[in-house]
Protein backbone atom coordinates (compact mmCIF):
# COMPACT_ATOMS: atom_id res chain seq x y z
CA MET A 1 -65.45 14.73 5.86
CA ALA A 2 -65.98 18.34 5.90
CA HIS A 3 -62.99 20.05 4.10
CA LYS A 4 -61.84 23.80 4.14
CA LYS A 5 -59.85 24.48 0.95
CA GLY A 6 -57.18 27.44 0.98
CA ILE A 7 -56.95 30.39 -1.13
CA HIS A 8 -55.10 30.01 -4.15
CA PHE A 9 -54.58 32.14 -7.53
CA GLU A 10 -54.63 30.04 -10.82
CA VAL A 11 -51.65 31.01 -12.94
CA SER A 12 -53.61 32.96 -15.44
CA GLU A 13 -55.62 34.68 -12.30
CA ARG A 14 -52.00 35.90 -11.03
CA LYS A 15 -51.00 36.94 -14.32
CA ILE A 16 -54.48 39.25 -14.79
CA LEU A 17 -54.10 40.26 -11.19
CA LEU A 18 -50.56 41.80 -11.57
CA ARG A 19 -51.47 43.66 -15.45
CA ILE A 20 -54.68 45.11 -13.58
CA MET A 21 -53.12 45.76 -10.32
CA ASP A 22 -50.11 47.87 -12.06
CA ILE A 23 -52.67 49.80 -14.06
CA VAL A 24 -54.69 50.51 -10.69
CA MET A 25 -51.49 51.69 -8.85
CA VAL A 26 -50.29 53.97 -11.53
CA ILE A 27 -53.81 55.73 -11.85
CA LEU A 28 -53.56 55.88 -8.45
CA ALA A 29 -50.27 57.61 -8.48
CA LEU A 30 -51.02 59.78 -11.09
CA TYR A 31 -54.44 60.66 -9.00
CA VAL A 32 -52.08 61.48 -6.18
CA LEU A 33 -49.79 63.76 -8.56
CA HIS A 34 -53.37 65.73 -9.21
CA LEU A 35 -53.73 66.74 -6.24
CA TYR A 36 -50.35 68.61 -6.40
CA PRO A 37 -51.54 72.04 -8.02
CA LYS A 38 -48.35 72.58 -9.92
CA PHE A 39 -48.12 69.49 -11.75
CA GLU A 40 -49.89 70.18 -15.08
CA TYR A 41 -48.31 67.17 -17.38
CA LEU A 42 -50.94 64.65 -16.86
CA ARG A 43 -54.06 65.92 -15.18
CA PHE A 44 -56.04 63.06 -13.98
CA ASP A 45 -59.37 64.39 -15.82
CA ALA A 46 -61.62 63.62 -18.51
CA GLU A 47 -59.93 65.11 -21.04
CA ASN A 48 -56.84 62.93 -21.09
CA VAL A 49 -58.92 59.56 -21.19
CA ILE A 50 -56.82 58.94 -24.45
CA SER A 51 -53.58 59.92 -22.94
CA LEU A 52 -54.11 57.79 -19.69
CA THR A 53 -55.34 54.59 -21.84
CA LEU A 54 -52.33 55.12 -24.04
CA LEU A 55 -50.17 54.79 -20.93
CA GLY A 56 -52.12 51.94 -19.65
CA ILE A 57 -51.32 50.08 -23.60
CA TYR A 58 -47.97 51.09 -23.24
CA LEU A 59 -47.58 49.82 -19.88
CA ILE A 60 -48.99 46.42 -20.76
CA ILE A 61 -47.15 45.70 -24.04
CA PHE A 62 -43.65 46.91 -22.61
CA GLY A 63 -44.33 44.79 -19.12
CA THR A 64 -44.94 41.96 -21.43
CA ILE A 65 -42.36 42.43 -23.49
CA PHE A 66 -39.57 43.61 -20.65
CA GLU A 67 -41.33 39.70 -18.62
CA LEU A 68 -43.05 42.20 -16.22
CA TYR A 69 -45.66 39.19 -15.87
CA ASP A 70 -43.45 36.52 -16.46
CA LEU A 71 -44.39 34.41 -12.30
CA GLN A 72 -41.13 33.08 -11.95
CA LYS A 73 -39.37 36.40 -11.84
CA ALA A 74 -42.43 38.35 -10.33
CA SER A 75 -41.92 36.03 -7.24
CA LYS A 76 -38.48 37.77 -6.84
CA PHE A 77 -37.45 41.26 -5.70
CA ASP A 78 -34.08 41.61 -7.63
CA THR A 79 -35.57 40.63 -11.34
CA THR A 80 -38.90 42.51 -10.52
CA PHE A 81 -36.91 45.68 -9.50
CA ARG A 82 -35.14 45.22 -12.70
CA ASN A 83 -38.02 44.80 -14.66
CA VAL A 84 -39.92 47.34 -13.33
CA VAL A 85 -37.15 50.02 -13.98
CA ILE A 86 -36.26 48.86 -17.56
CA THR A 87 -40.44 48.87 -18.18
CA THR A 88 -41.32 52.24 -16.89
CA SER A 89 -37.80 53.72 -18.26
CA THR A 90 -39.44 52.50 -21.99
CA VAL A 91 -42.80 53.62 -21.51
CA VAL A 92 -42.16 56.58 -20.32
CA LEU A 93 -39.71 57.06 -23.51
CA PHE A 94 -42.18 56.06 -25.73
CA TYR A 95 -45.19 58.11 -24.21
CA LEU A 96 -42.69 61.06 -24.39
CA LEU A 97 -42.60 60.38 -28.20
CA THR A 98 -46.03 60.47 -29.04
CA PRO A 99 -47.28 63.93 -28.49
CA VAL A 100 -50.35 63.73 -30.59
CA LEU A 101 -51.74 61.16 -28.36
CA SER A 102 -50.36 61.93 -24.86
CA PRO A 103 -50.07 65.65 -23.33
CA ASN A 104 -47.63 68.39 -24.64
CA LEU A 105 -44.13 68.31 -22.97
CA PRO A 106 -44.60 70.26 -19.72
CA GLU A 107 -42.88 73.79 -19.45
CA LYS A 108 -41.06 72.80 -16.27
CA ARG A 109 -39.13 69.62 -17.29
CA ILE A 110 -38.95 68.37 -13.95
CA GLN A 111 -42.87 67.34 -13.96
CA ILE A 112 -41.31 64.45 -16.16
CA VAL A 113 -39.23 62.96 -13.18
CA TYR A 114 -41.81 63.41 -10.91
CA PHE A 115 -44.16 61.40 -13.49
CA TYR A 116 -41.61 58.43 -13.85
CA LEU A 117 -40.98 58.01 -10.01
CA ALA A 118 -44.65 58.01 -9.43
CA LEU A 119 -44.97 55.14 -11.90
CA ILE A 120 -41.80 53.27 -10.80
CA ILE A 121 -42.71 53.98 -6.76
CA SER A 122 -45.97 52.74 -7.42
CA ILE A 123 -45.89 49.05 -9.14
CA LEU A 124 -42.67 48.34 -7.10
CA LEU A 125 -45.06 49.11 -3.77
CA TRP A 126 -47.77 46.96 -5.37
CA ARG A 127 -44.93 44.11 -6.26
CA LEU A 128 -43.70 44.42 -2.69
CA VAL A 129 -47.20 43.36 -1.98
CA TYR A 130 -47.32 40.87 -3.73
CA ILE A 131 -43.69 39.11 -3.02
CA ASN A 132 -45.03 38.95 0.31
CA LEU A 133 -48.29 38.47 0.16
CA ILE A 134 -49.73 36.34 -3.00
CA GLU A 135 -46.54 34.45 -3.19
CA SER A 136 -46.38 33.67 0.36
CA PRO A 137 -47.18 29.70 1.37
CA ARG A 138 -50.71 30.38 2.47
CA PHE A 139 -51.39 31.04 -0.87
CA TYR A 140 -49.58 27.68 -2.27
CA LYS A 141 -51.76 25.05 -3.76
CA ARG A 142 -51.49 22.31 -1.91
CA VAL A 143 -51.45 19.14 -4.15
CA LEU A 144 -51.46 15.13 -3.50
CA LEU A 145 -50.23 13.11 -6.60
CA VAL A 146 -52.04 9.79 -6.76
CA GLY A 147 -49.97 7.34 -9.38
CA GLU A 148 -47.31 4.78 -10.00
CA ILE A 149 -43.78 5.37 -8.39
CA SER A 150 -43.06 4.57 -12.19
CA ASN A 151 -44.29 8.06 -13.19
CA ILE A 152 -43.46 10.21 -10.13
CA ASP A 153 -40.06 11.17 -10.40
CA GLY A 154 -40.34 13.22 -13.87
CA LEU A 155 -43.88 14.28 -13.20
CA VAL A 156 -42.55 15.99 -9.55
CA ARG A 157 -39.14 17.79 -11.45
CA ALA A 158 -41.43 19.16 -14.19
CA LEU A 159 -43.84 20.64 -11.92
CA ASN A 160 -41.28 22.09 -9.43
CA THR A 161 -39.77 24.09 -11.75
CA THR A 162 -43.02 26.06 -13.63
CA ASP A 163 -45.17 27.46 -10.91
CA PRO A 164 -43.91 28.68 -7.62
CA ASN A 165 -47.28 27.97 -6.09
CA TYR A 166 -48.27 24.65 -6.94
CA LYS A 167 -46.61 22.75 -4.15
CA ILE A 168 -46.86 18.73 -4.34
CA ILE A 169 -46.98 17.63 -0.92
CA GLY A 170 -46.83 14.09 -1.07
CA PHE A 171 -48.37 10.95 -2.85
CA ILE A 172 -50.26 7.92 -2.59
CA ASN A 173 -49.27 5.08 -4.84
CA SER A 174 -52.51 4.00 -6.83
CA GLU A 175 -50.73 0.01 -7.10
CA ALA A 176 -50.56 -2.70 -4.50
CA SER A 177 -47.19 -2.48 -2.83
CA THR A 178 -45.01 -5.07 -1.49
CA PRO A 179 -42.19 -5.30 0.46
CA GLU A 180 -39.86 -5.93 -2.57
CA SER A 181 -41.89 -2.89 -4.22
CA VAL A 182 -39.04 0.13 -5.67
CA LYS A 183 -39.70 3.04 -3.18
CA PHE A 184 -39.46 6.61 -4.31
CA LYS A 185 -37.41 8.88 -1.48
CA GLY A 186 -37.53 12.04 -3.76
CA LEU A 187 -41.27 13.02 -1.95
CA LYS A 188 -42.92 12.05 0.98
CA GLU A 189 -45.19 9.21 0.88
CA TYR A 190 -48.58 8.17 2.52
CA GLU A 191 -50.22 5.32 2.92
CA SER A 192 -53.91 4.47 0.82
CA LYS A 193 -55.87 3.84 3.71
CA ASP A 194 -54.96 7.35 4.88
CA PHE A 195 -55.81 8.99 1.73
CA LEU A 196 -58.78 10.94 2.92
CA ASN A 197 -57.11 11.82 6.47
CA VAL A 198 -54.09 12.67 4.73
CA ILE A 199 -55.98 15.49 2.65
CA GLU A 200 -57.70 16.82 5.86
CA LYS A 201 -54.47 17.23 7.63
CA GLU A 202 -52.28 18.86 4.91
CA ARG A 203 -54.89 21.08 3.80
CA ILE A 204 -54.85 19.52 0.13
CA SER A 205 -56.71 21.54 -2.74
CA GLU A 206 -56.39 19.22 -5.67
CA VAL A 207 -55.34 15.70 -6.11
CA LEU A 208 -53.34 15.18 -9.36
CA VAL A 209 -54.04 11.47 -10.78
CA ALA A 210 -50.80 10.32 -12.72
CA SER A 211 -51.74 6.91 -13.53
CA PHE A 212 -50.61 4.93 -17.13
CA ASN A 213 -53.15 2.14 -16.47
CA SER A 214 -56.38 3.16 -14.83
CA GLU A 215 -57.25 -0.33 -14.24
CA ALA A 216 -54.48 -0.85 -12.24
CA ILE A 217 -55.97 1.53 -9.58
CA ILE A 218 -56.24 -0.43 -6.52
CA ALA A 219 -59.92 -0.50 -5.10
CA GLU A 220 -59.16 1.40 -1.89
CA VAL A 221 -58.03 4.08 -3.99
CA TYR A 222 -60.39 4.38 -6.51
CA HIS A 223 -63.23 4.25 -3.78
CA ASP A 224 -61.78 7.28 -2.08
CA LEU A 225 -61.30 9.47 -5.58
CA MET A 226 -64.92 8.57 -6.47
CA MET A 227 -65.77 10.06 -2.90
CA LEU A 228 -63.96 13.13 -3.61
CA LEU A 229 -65.12 13.43 -6.78
CA GLU A 230 -69.15 12.95 -5.69
CA ARG A 231 -68.46 15.97 -2.92
CA GLY A 232 -67.26 18.23 -5.36
CA PHE A 233 -63.41 18.05 -4.69
CA LYS A 234 -61.19 18.87 -7.56
CA ILE A 235 -59.55 15.96 -8.98
CA ARG A 236 -57.04 16.47 -12.21
CA GLU A 237 -55.49 14.20 -14.45
CA TYR A 238 -51.33 14.47 -15.12
CA THR A 239 -51.53 15.20 -18.41
CA GLN A 240 -54.25 17.93 -18.13
CA VAL A 241 -52.12 19.78 -15.77
CA TYR A 242 -48.77 19.14 -17.54
CA GLU A 243 -49.57 20.71 -20.42
CA GLU A 244 -51.71 23.74 -18.56
CA LEU A 245 -48.67 24.51 -16.40
CA LEU A 246 -45.82 23.65 -19.04
CA HIS A 247 -47.52 24.88 -21.94
CA ARG A 248 -46.30 21.30 -23.55
CA VAL A 249 -47.72 18.49 -25.04
CA PRO A 250 -46.53 15.54 -22.72
CA ILE A 251 -46.07 12.95 -25.52
CA GLN A 252 -43.52 10.95 -22.61
CA PHE A 253 -47.21 9.90 -21.13
CA VAL A 254 -48.90 9.37 -24.35
CA GLY A 255 -49.80 5.54 -25.12
CA LYS A 256 -52.08 4.19 -27.31
CA ASP A 257 -54.76 6.51 -26.28
CA PHE A 258 -52.70 9.32 -28.82
CA TYR A 259 -55.41 10.59 -30.26
CA LYS A 260 -57.46 12.18 -27.73
CA TYR A 261 -53.92 14.36 -27.42
CA PHE A 262 -53.93 15.64 -30.32
CA PRO A 263 -57.43 17.76 -31.19
CA PHE A 264 -55.24 20.12 -33.00
CA SER A 265 -56.57 23.71 -33.20
CA ARG A 266 -59.29 24.78 -35.65
CA SER A 267 -56.64 27.77 -36.90
CA ASN A 268 -55.01 24.90 -38.83
CA GLU A 269 -57.86 24.93 -41.38
CA ASN A 270 -59.44 28.37 -40.51
CA LYS A 271 -58.54 30.25 -43.97
CA LEU A 272 -59.78 33.33 -42.32
CA TYR A 273 -56.59 33.11 -39.79
CA ILE A 274 -54.73 31.58 -42.50
CA PHE A 275 -54.95 34.64 -44.74
CA PHE A 276 -54.28 36.94 -42.08
CA GLN A 277 -51.09 34.84 -41.11
CA ARG A 278 -50.23 35.16 -44.53
CA ALA A 279 -50.62 38.92 -45.01
CA PHE A 280 -48.77 39.34 -41.53
CA ASP A 281 -46.18 37.19 -42.90
CA ILE A 282 -45.58 39.17 -46.25
CA LEU A 283 -45.33 42.53 -44.46
CA LEU A 284 -43.07 41.72 -41.58
CA ALA A 285 -40.59 39.53 -44.45
CA ILE A 286 -40.55 42.92 -46.86
CA THR A 287 -39.92 45.12 -43.27
CA GLY A 288 -37.16 42.76 -42.33
CA LEU A 289 -35.30 42.58 -45.84
CA PHE A 290 -35.56 46.38 -45.93
CA ILE A 291 -33.80 46.90 -42.06
CA GLY A 292 -31.52 43.97 -43.17
CA MET A 293 -30.41 45.80 -46.25
CA VAL A 294 -30.05 49.17 -43.81
CA ILE A 295 -27.82 47.38 -41.42
CA LEU A 296 -25.68 45.39 -44.21
CA PRO A 297 -22.76 47.34 -44.47
CA ILE A 298 -22.42 47.17 -40.84
CA ILE A 299 -23.07 43.31 -41.04
CA LEU A 300 -20.41 43.36 -44.10
CA ILE A 301 -17.70 44.67 -42.03
CA GLY A 302 -18.32 42.63 -39.06
CA ASN A 303 -18.12 39.59 -41.49
CA ILE A 304 -14.73 40.71 -42.88
CA ILE A 305 -13.21 40.98 -39.78
CA GLY A 306 -14.87 38.48 -37.53
CA ASN A 307 -16.13 35.84 -40.25
CA LYS A 308 -13.48 36.05 -42.51
CA GLY A 309 -15.50 33.99 -45.25
CA PRO A 310 -18.31 34.43 -47.69
CA LEU A 311 -21.61 35.96 -45.34
CA LEU A 312 -24.50 33.90 -46.53
CA TYR A 313 -25.24 30.56 -47.34
CA THR A 314 -27.79 27.98 -47.91
CA GLN A 315 -28.91 24.84 -46.25
CA GLU A 316 -31.27 22.40 -46.96
CA ARG A 317 -34.56 22.01 -44.13
CA VAL A 318 -37.40 20.07 -43.88
CA GLY A 319 -40.56 22.06 -44.61
CA ARG A 320 -44.67 21.46 -44.47
CA ASN A 321 -45.42 18.34 -44.84
CA GLY A 322 -41.80 16.68 -44.92
CA LYS A 323 -41.25 18.83 -48.35
CA PRO A 324 -37.45 19.90 -48.43
CA PHE A 325 -36.07 24.00 -49.19
CA LYS A 326 -33.26 25.64 -48.81
CA ILE A 327 -32.98 27.82 -45.78
CA LEU A 328 -31.04 31.27 -46.46
CA LYS A 329 -28.91 32.38 -43.20
CA LEU A 330 -26.30 34.06 -42.41
CA ARG A 331 -22.43 32.40 -41.93
CA THR A 332 -21.67 32.19 -38.07
CA MET A 333 -19.93 28.79 -38.21
CA ILE A 334 -16.49 28.62 -39.89
CA VAL A 335 -15.73 28.00 -43.43
CA ASN A 336 -16.03 23.80 -43.97
CA ALA A 337 -17.83 23.76 -40.16
CA GLU A 338 -18.96 20.49 -41.09
CA LYS A 339 -16.13 18.64 -43.16
CA ASP A 340 -16.08 15.95 -40.27
CA GLY A 341 -19.77 15.04 -40.82
CA VAL A 342 -22.97 16.70 -39.36
CA LYS A 343 -23.14 17.49 -35.67
CA TRP A 344 -25.33 19.02 -33.45
CA ALA A 345 -24.54 22.91 -32.66
CA LYS A 346 -24.39 23.58 -29.05
CA LYS A 347 -23.55 26.01 -26.40
CA ASN A 348 -20.34 27.68 -26.43
CA ASP A 349 -19.87 25.79 -30.15
CA LYS A 350 -16.00 26.23 -30.89
CA ARG A 351 -17.06 26.04 -34.70
CA ILE A 352 -18.76 29.78 -33.95
CA THR A 353 -16.88 32.73 -35.05
CA LYS A 354 -16.82 35.50 -32.78
CA PHE A 355 -19.27 37.75 -35.03
CA GLY A 356 -21.18 34.97 -35.72
CA LYS A 357 -21.53 34.61 -32.29
CA PHE A 358 -22.78 37.88 -32.25
CA LEU A 359 -25.16 37.48 -34.77
CA ARG A 360 -27.00 34.62 -33.21
CA ARG A 361 -27.13 36.39 -29.75
CA SER A 362 -29.32 39.39 -31.60
CA ARG A 363 -30.87 37.22 -33.88
CA LEU A 364 -29.48 38.71 -37.16
CA ASP A 365 -28.30 35.75 -38.63
CA GLU A 366 -32.14 35.05 -39.40
CA ILE A 367 -32.87 38.23 -41.19
CA PRO A 368 -31.98 36.13 -44.52
CA GLN A 369 -35.04 33.80 -44.21
CA PHE A 370 -37.54 36.38 -44.37
CA TYR A 371 -36.76 35.82 -48.18
CA ASN A 372 -38.11 32.32 -47.35
CA VAL A 373 -41.02 33.79 -45.99
CA LEU A 374 -41.83 36.02 -48.89
CA LYS A 375 -41.59 32.75 -50.81
CA GLY A 376 -43.90 30.83 -49.02
CA ASP A 377 -41.62 28.05 -48.05
CA MET A 378 -41.52 29.19 -43.97
CA SER A 379 -43.89 31.40 -41.74
CA VAL A 380 -42.86 34.02 -39.07
CA ILE A 381 -44.13 31.66 -36.70
CA GLY A 382 -44.03 27.91 -36.66
CA PRO A 383 -42.09 25.31 -35.69
CA ARG A 384 -38.45 25.85 -36.49
CA PRO A 385 -37.08 23.72 -39.57
CA GLU A 386 -34.86 20.81 -39.09
CA ARG A 387 -32.07 19.73 -40.85
CA PRO A 388 -33.04 16.12 -43.26
CA PHE A 389 -30.73 14.22 -41.22
CA PHE A 390 -31.46 15.11 -37.87
CA VAL A 391 -35.14 14.83 -38.71
CA ASN A 392 -34.44 11.38 -39.74
CA GLU A 393 -32.46 10.42 -36.47
CA LEU A 394 -34.87 12.01 -34.44
CA SER A 395 -38.63 10.46 -35.94
CA ARG A 396 -36.71 7.05 -35.20
CA ILE A 397 -36.55 7.81 -31.52
CA ILE A 398 -39.18 9.98 -30.58
CA PRO A 399 -42.94 9.69 -31.54
CA PHE A 400 -45.00 11.78 -33.20
CA TYR A 401 -41.60 13.94 -34.60
CA GLU A 402 -43.17 14.37 -38.00
CA THR A 403 -46.22 15.82 -36.55
CA ARG A 404 -44.78 19.26 -36.67
CA HIS A 405 -44.24 19.20 -40.01
CA ILE A 406 -48.04 19.60 -40.65
CA ILE A 407 -48.00 23.40 -40.56
CA LYS A 408 -45.17 25.53 -42.48
CA PRO A 409 -41.84 25.71 -39.99
CA GLY A 410 -41.07 29.36 -38.80
CA LEU A 411 -38.59 32.00 -38.02
CA THR A 412 -39.56 31.66 -34.37
CA GLY A 413 -41.78 29.79 -32.55
CA TRP A 414 -43.20 28.52 -28.97
CA ALA A 415 -40.24 26.39 -28.57
CA GLN A 416 -38.23 28.96 -29.21
CA VAL A 417 -39.34 31.32 -26.69
CA LYS A 418 -39.61 28.65 -24.17
CA THR A 419 -36.25 26.66 -24.14
CA ARG A 420 -32.98 26.68 -24.87
CA TYR A 421 -31.18 25.51 -28.35
CA GLY A 422 -31.69 22.29 -29.29
CA SER A 423 -28.18 20.25 -28.72
CA SER A 424 -29.55 16.39 -28.01
CA ILE A 425 -32.48 14.08 -27.99
CA ASP A 426 -33.54 15.09 -24.60
CA ASP A 427 -34.01 19.00 -25.79
CA SER A 428 -35.19 17.77 -28.75
CA LEU A 429 -37.85 16.28 -27.44
CA THR A 430 -38.55 19.18 -25.16
CA LYS A 431 -38.85 21.12 -28.23
CA LEU A 432 -41.29 18.77 -29.79
CA GLN A 433 -43.91 18.88 -27.11
CA TYR A 434 -43.47 22.91 -26.90
CA ASP A 435 -44.29 22.26 -31.03
CA LEU A 436 -47.23 20.43 -30.68
CA TYR A 437 -49.01 22.37 -28.08
CA TYR A 438 -48.42 25.07 -30.46
CA ILE A 439 -50.20 23.26 -33.21
CA LYS A 440 -52.74 22.36 -31.08
CA HIS A 441 -53.41 25.95 -29.48
CA ARG A 442 -52.36 27.96 -32.83
CA SER A 443 -54.84 30.75 -32.67
CA ILE A 444 -53.64 35.11 -33.59
CA PHE A 445 -53.20 35.46 -29.29
CA LEU A 446 -50.87 32.57 -29.20
CA ASP A 447 -48.99 34.47 -32.41
CA PHE A 448 -48.74 37.75 -30.29
CA ASN A 449 -47.80 35.86 -27.18
CA ILE A 450 -44.45 34.49 -29.17
CA ALA A 451 -43.67 37.67 -31.20
CA ILE A 452 -43.59 39.82 -27.87
CA LYS A 453 -41.33 36.99 -25.96
CA THR A 454 -38.97 37.03 -29.46
CA LEU A 455 -38.77 40.92 -28.54
CA SER A 456 -37.53 39.89 -25.05
CA THR A 457 -34.83 37.13 -26.53
CA ILE A 458 -33.71 39.78 -28.62
CA LEU A 459 -33.52 42.37 -26.29
CA TYR A 460 -32.33 40.28 -23.67
CA TYR A 461 -29.60 39.16 -26.26
CA ARG A 462 -30.35 35.09 -25.26
CA GLY A 463 -30.47 34.51 -28.94
CA GLN A 464 -28.07 31.06 -29.46
């Protein structure tokens, strides 16, 4: 079978492509401005290497903060336009405020406008090309799913919401079927005998195997999978793809072979990483508490007007290795909010005060927890600490829930920047998947990613 695979950019490749081409287009725009003799603000020559490098660094940092490299948003022009304008405006502002490294302000201020417009237009032109070319169907990864019908629904729903270029074309039932077998109507089913023909006809570039029990795969399908593998065709296992695309550990698919899925990051025991993380925690905690003291008068006034009661409150939470500690927070709910018993905090919860809603959305209610970070009960980044009542309930229902306690809890974490506030068992399961992904892949780069995404959450007022 001679199969010609289509061209497809992986998630990481597209993110790198976006970043590189943004910089390339900006450089081209500046070169064009350089050809205009009267433009003197940022000349395209060897003397301005540091200034040009600084511009590229600002573009990458603020582009990440303002979600310019979020693939879901990058595939839509309206959100791309908004993010490009916000990013470019911030880049130019910071660039003008660092005159030691960036060029001195020009005598003719109109040149700054030219500079600003050149950045916006150049990036937008490239993004139009990206949306209409790279995001077009010709670059989709066309995937054929092979697995048990019982697995398919949840897997398809999860993967269809993550990568706009990852298209599951259909599936082949890996189990022996009978007329009485349950049929899955959400995706086109192909006959197992047509396996190889489907790959050729539908221009499939990857086969995804989703089977709890590999022993149950019928001989015909198994033989075709082996033949494809021997010919170098790309075959992947669903948990691998699930974790790679969704950035969370699929614990709902993990059975007795659980130990295969948790080769936790070496950073968890790396003394150098732990030292630098603690140093970062202390530095950020001192900075955070200082900022808290500066804005304290405003918070006090808001509390008197909108909260009407104590400013602070403490609550018991579960920390590292299951050890309880007292967390310190700004009060965001009415006094005696749990007089009727412990309840989940929900979206638009009536117990949250008007000022409390502002504190939550802006994440200002978390500032006192820098004290917990300074004490060593928490880290800046890690799984959010949960209350003992919910830990006891969730650990009985959700497998591996207690695993999130093997590291210190955090002020912010992978689950907080990737999903909404947990207010149900299903939400807690999703949050746990993200927490385990963080523990499994913990590193300086992932911590930096979380810090940047947390800034996006604050700036876009998405806290809950």
